[in-house]
Protein backbone atom coordinates (compact mmCIF):
# COMPACT_ATOMS: atom_id res chain seq x y z
CA SER A 1 0.00 0.00 0.00
CA THR A 2 0.98 3.65 -0.30
CA TRP A 3 1.21 4.04 3.49
CA GLY A 4 3.46 0.98 3.75
CA GLU A 5 5.74 2.28 0.99
CA TYR A 6 5.91 5.66 2.76
CA LYS A 7 6.92 3.98 6.05
CA ILE A 8 9.64 1.94 4.35
CA LYS A 9 11.01 5.03 2.57
CA ASN A 10 10.88 7.05 5.79
CA ILE A 11 12.77 4.37 7.73
CA SER A 12 15.33 4.04 4.91
CA PHE A 13 15.86 7.81 4.93
CA LYS A 14 16.37 7.86 8.69
CA MET A 15 18.74 4.88 8.51
CA SER A 16 20.88 6.79 6.03
CA ASN A 17 21.24 9.58 8.62
CA VAL A 18 22.55 7.19 11.28
CA PRO A 19 26.31 7.76 11.73
CA GLN A 20 28.26 5.00 10.04
CA VAL A 21 30.85 3.08 12.04
CA ASN A 22 34.33 3.90 10.77
CA SER A 23 35.84 0.58 11.71
CA LEU A 24 37.35 -2.47 10.06
CA VAL A 25 34.78 -4.57 11.92
CA LYS A 26 31.76 -5.17 9.72
CA TYR A 27 28.48 -4.03 11.24
CA GLY A 28 24.97 -4.73 10.01
CA THR A 29 22.18 -2.35 9.16
CA PRO A 30 21.09 -0.02 12.00
CA VAL A 31 17.73 -0.97 13.53
CA LEU A 32 15.38 1.43 15.28
CA VAL A 33 14.57 0.01 18.72
CA SER A 34 13.13 3.00 20.60
CA THR A 35 11.49 6.34 19.84
CA SER A 36 11.80 7.78 23.35
CA ASN A 37 14.86 8.54 25.47
CA LYS A 38 12.97 8.56 28.78
CA LYS A 39 14.55 6.43 31.44
CA PRO A 40 12.68 4.35 34.03
CA LYS A 41 12.09 5.94 37.38
CA ASP A 42 14.45 3.55 39.13
CA GLY A 43 17.34 4.96 37.08
CA LYS A 44 18.05 1.71 35.24
CA LYS A 45 18.36 1.48 31.49
CA ASP A 46 15.23 0.70 29.50
CA ASN A 47 15.60 -2.73 27.88
CA LYS A 48 12.39 -2.38 25.88
CA GLY A 49 14.32 -1.41 22.79
CA ILE A 50 16.54 -4.47 23.06
CA GLN A 51 13.45 -6.63 23.40
CA ASN A 52 12.00 -5.02 20.27
CA LEU A 53 15.25 -5.78 18.49
CA LYS A 54 14.97 -9.44 19.51
CA ASP A 55 11.44 -9.48 18.19
CA ILE A 56 12.60 -8.11 14.85
CA ILE A 57 15.76 -10.21 14.47
CA SER A 58 15.64 -13.88 15.40
CA THR A 59 18.80 -14.30 17.45
CA THR A 60 20.85 -17.47 17.32
CA HIS A 61 23.51 -18.90 19.59
CA THR A 62 26.26 -17.55 17.32
CA GLU A 63 24.71 -14.08 17.25
CA ASP A 64 24.48 -14.05 21.03
CA ILE A 65 28.16 -14.92 21.26
CA LEU A 66 29.01 -12.22 18.68
CA ASN A 67 27.05 -9.63 20.65
CA SER A 68 28.83 -10.62 23.84
CA ILE A 69 32.24 -10.43 22.15
CA LEU A 70 31.54 -7.29 20.11
CA PRO A 71 28.66 -5.40 21.78
CA PRO A 72 26.20 -3.60 19.48
CA ARG A 73 26.67 0.10 18.98
CA GLU A 74 23.98 2.58 19.96
CA HIS A 75 23.15 5.81 18.13
CA THR A 76 20.67 8.39 19.39
CA MET A 77 19.06 10.73 16.87
CA ASP A 78 16.91 13.79 17.62
CA LYS A 79 17.25 12.85 21.33
CA GLN A 80 14.40 10.38 20.88
CA GLN A 81 15.30 7.66 18.40
CA LEU A 82 17.62 4.91 19.55
CA TRP A 83 19.29 2.89 16.79
CA ILE A 84 21.18 -0.34 17.42
CA GLN A 85 23.85 -1.62 15.06
CA SER A 86 25.18 -5.14 15.60
CA VAL A 87 28.08 -6.89 13.89
CA LEU A 88 27.31 -8.97 10.83
CA SER A 89 26.67 -12.65 11.40
CA THR A 90 27.18 -13.73 7.79
CA PRO A 91 30.17 -16.03 7.16
CA ALA A 92 33.24 -14.50 5.57
CA THR A 93 34.87 -15.71 2.39
CA LYS A 94 38.44 -15.70 1.21
CA ALA A 95 37.70 -12.56 -0.75
CA ASP A 96 36.53 -10.86 2.45
CA VAL A 97 39.82 -11.68 4.17
CA ILE A 98 41.81 -10.32 1.22
CA ALA A 99 39.63 -7.19 1.21
CA LEU A 100 40.22 -6.80 4.94
CA GLN A 101 43.98 -6.94 4.42
CA GLU A 102 43.82 -4.40 1.59
CA GLU A 103 41.60 -2.08 3.65
CA LEU A 104 44.00 -2.37 6.61
CA ASP A 105 46.99 -1.42 4.44
CA LYS A 106 44.98 1.41 2.87
CA ARG A 107 43.98 2.92 6.23
CA LEU A 108 47.49 2.55 7.62
CA GLN A 109 48.73 4.59 4.69
CA GLN A 110 45.90 7.13 4.77
CA ARG A 111 46.27 7.83 8.49
CA GLN A 112 50.09 7.89 8.17
CA ALA A 113 50.70 5.25 10.81
CA ARG A 114 54.32 4.67 11.80
CA GLU A 115 55.76 1.34 10.72
CA THR A 116 57.89 0.89 13.84
CA GLY A 117 57.83 2.02 17.42
CA ILE A 118 54.80 3.07 19.46
CA CYS A 119 51.94 4.29 17.28
CA PRO A 120 48.36 4.64 18.62
CA ILE A 121 46.95 4.75 15.10
CA ARG A 122 48.60 1.47 14.09
CA GLU A 123 47.56 -0.10 17.39
CA GLU A 124 43.92 0.96 16.87
CA LEU A 125 43.74 -0.33 13.28
CA TYR A 126 45.33 -3.68 14.12
CA ALA A 127 42.95 -4.06 17.08
CA GLN A 128 40.00 -3.48 14.72
CA CYS A 129 41.46 -5.98 12.26
CA PHE A 130 41.87 -8.57 15.02
CA ASP A 131 38.26 -8.02 16.16
CA GLU A 132 37.07 -8.51 12.58
CA LEU A 133 39.04 -11.76 12.34
CA ILE A 134 37.49 -12.88 15.62
CA ARG A 135 34.04 -12.10 14.19
CA GLN A 136 34.73 -14.12 11.04
CA ILE A 137 36.15 -17.08 12.98
CA THR A 138 33.38 -17.03 15.60
CA ILE A 139 30.75 -17.42 12.88
CA ASN A 140 32.43 -20.61 11.64
CA CYS A 141 33.48 -21.92 15.08
CA ALA A 142 32.20 -20.24 18.24
CA GLU A 143 34.63 -22.07 20.53
CA ARG A 144 37.61 -20.94 18.46
CA GLY A 145 36.32 -17.38 18.51
CA LEU A 146 35.92 -17.41 22.29
CA LEU A 147 39.45 -18.74 22.65
CA LEU A 148 40.73 -15.94 20.44
CA VAL A 149 38.86 -13.47 22.65
CA ARG A 150 40.75 -14.84 25.65
CA VAL A 151 44.02 -14.42 23.74
CA ARG A 152 43.03 -10.86 22.74
CA ASP A 153 42.10 -9.88 26.31
CA GLU A 154 45.32 -11.41 27.65
CA ILE A 155 47.37 -9.44 25.11
CA ARG A 156 45.54 -6.23 26.00
CA MET A 157 46.06 -6.87 29.70
CA THR A 158 49.76 -7.52 29.11
CA ILE A 159 50.11 -4.35 27.04
CA SER A 160 48.22 -2.40 29.71
CA SER A 161 50.60 -3.78 32.35
CA TYR A 162 53.58 -2.74 30.25
CA GLN A 163 52.05 0.73 29.80
CA THR A 164 51.53 1.03 33.55
CA LEU A 165 55.10 -0.13 34.15
CA TYR A 166 56.39 2.32 31.52
CA GLU A 167 54.44 5.21 33.05
CA SER A 168 55.65 4.34 36.54
CA SER A 169 59.23 4.10 35.26
CA ILE A 170 58.84 7.49 33.57
CA ALA A 171 57.52 8.95 36.83
CA PHE A 172 60.38 7.32 38.75
CA GLY A 173 62.89 8.69 36.26
CA MET A 174 61.37 12.16 36.53
CA ARG A 175 61.56 12.02 40.33
CA LYS A 176 65.17 10.90 40.17
CA ALA A 177 65.96 13.62 37.62
CA LEU A 178 64.37 16.26 39.85
CA GLN A 179 66.24 14.93 42.88
CA ALA A 180 69.49 14.90 40.91
CA GLU A 181 68.82 18.45 39.72
CA GLN A 182 68.11 19.58 43.27
CA LYS A 183 71.21 17.81 44.57
CA LYS A 184 73.21 19.30 41.71
CA ALA A 185 72.10 22.80 42.73
CA GLU A 186 73.01 22.06 46.34
CA MET A 187 76.42 20.71 45.32
CA GLN A 188 77.06 23.73 43.11
CA LYS A 189 76.21 26.03 46.02
CA SER A 190 78.49 24.01 48.31
CA ILE A 191 81.29 24.17 45.72
CA LYS A 192 80.87 27.92 45.40
CA ASP A 193 80.96 28.34 49.19
CA LEU A 194 84.11 26.23 49.40
CA GLU A 195 85.72 28.20 46.58
CA ASN A 196 84.93 31.46 48.39
CA GLU A 197 86.39 30.01 51.58
CA CYS A 198 89.51 28.91 49.70
CA ASP A 199 89.89 32.39 48.23
CA LEU A 200 89.59 33.89 51.70
CA LEU A 201 92.18 31.51 53.12
CA GLN A 202 94.45 32.15 50.15
CA ARG A 203 94.29 35.89 50.83
CA GLU A 204 95.10 35.23 54.49
CA VAL A 205 98.09 33.10 53.45
CA GLU A 206 99.34 35.85 51.15
CA GLN A 207 98.95 38.42 53.93
CA LEU A 208 100.85 36.18 56.36
CA GLU A 209 103.61 35.54 53.82
CA GLN A 210 103.89 39.26 53.20
CA LYS A 211 104.06 39.86 56.94
CA ILE A 212 106.77 37.19 57.33
CA GLU A 213 108.82 38.74 54.54
CA GLU A 214 108.47 42.16 56.11
CA THR A 215 109.48 40.79 59.52
CA GLU A 216 112.50 39.02 58.06
CA ARG A 217 113.53 42.17 56.20
CA ASN A 218 113.22 44.23 59.38
CA GLU A 219 115.26 41.64 61.28
CA ARG A 220 117.99 41.69 58.66
CA GLU A 221 118.12 45.47 58.68
CA GLU A 222 118.23 45.52 62.47
CA GLN A 223 120.97 42.92 62.48
CA GLU A 224 122.97 44.88 59.92
CA ARG A 225 122.65 48.04 62.03
CA GLU A 226 123.75 46.17 65.14
CA GLU A 227 126.70 44.65 63.34
CA LYS A 228 127.67 48.00 61.94
CA LYS A 229 127.40 49.63 65.34
CA HIS A 230 129.40 46.86 66.95
CA LYS A 231 132.08 47.16 64.31
CA GLU A 232 132.29 50.89 64.80
CA GLU A 233 132.68 50.42 68.57
CA VAL A 234 135.36 47.79 68.07
CA ASP A 235 137.24 50.06 65.66
CA PHE A 236 136.95 52.94 68.10
CA LEU A 237 138.33 50.80 70.92
CA LYS A 238 141.13 49.60 68.75
CA ARG A 239 142.12 53.11 67.83
CA THR A 240 141.91 54.23 71.45
CA ASN A 241 143.97 51.29 72.56
CA GLN A 242 146.54 52.02 69.91
CA ARG A 243 146.72 55.64 70.92
CA TYR A 244 147.16 54.70 74.58
CA LYS A 245 149.82 52.24 73.64
CA GLU A 246 151.75 54.86 71.70
CA GLU A 247 151.47 57.34 74.53
CA LEU A 248 152.73 54.75 76.99
CA GLU A 249 155.70 53.91 74.85
CA LEU A 250 156.48 57.57 74.43
CA SER A 251 156.34 58.12 78.19
CA LEU A 252 158.73 55.21 78.82
CA ILE A 253 161.24 56.62 76.42
CA HIS A 254 161.47 59.98 78.17
CA ILE A 255 161.99 58.44 81.61
């Protein structure tokens, strides 16, 4: 009917306005599950939309596992319409895997991801690629997919532990650098104080040496004056003695 065609066209138009997921993981068509954003009075989330989704899509065991591994994405439009977008549950082919590899290489190049070292962009894209591989494998073998999820979570936990260790080591290094800088400033101040003290002592030594030289010079001059005076006295006594001797001899001759 005309009304039915109008409803289908209206829903298709609204679905086209739902933000598309920019991810390597393949998601299905968005489904409208609620037309009101009111929450229950108890503050809990309204699961009516999810129930409507289950009424529309017949869930299987594999789909339940996929939704638990890769939870559906929610989009709210006009603050009233809630759209749910789940991952695809269709099996992947060899061509899909090749396309995934090509898309991964394309996005790595487009987003200019670094080939080596730490790169958040490369890490994000490879995580999406791994999730897409888990989705493809889970569809064919749920047990294998769940095991891969355990491996993925263990890898993420290990990387998170390394990140925590790296951050703590950076903080430890910063603390040590600050302590070393503070100790360096203290040592430089101590060195400067010691240098000033050495300069002061050196000036005192120079003053004492100058005083010693002056004292020695004064002693030498005093000694020279004493020697000169003593010599003059000795010469005077010798001359006097000689004069007395001559006078005595002269007196003896006249007797």
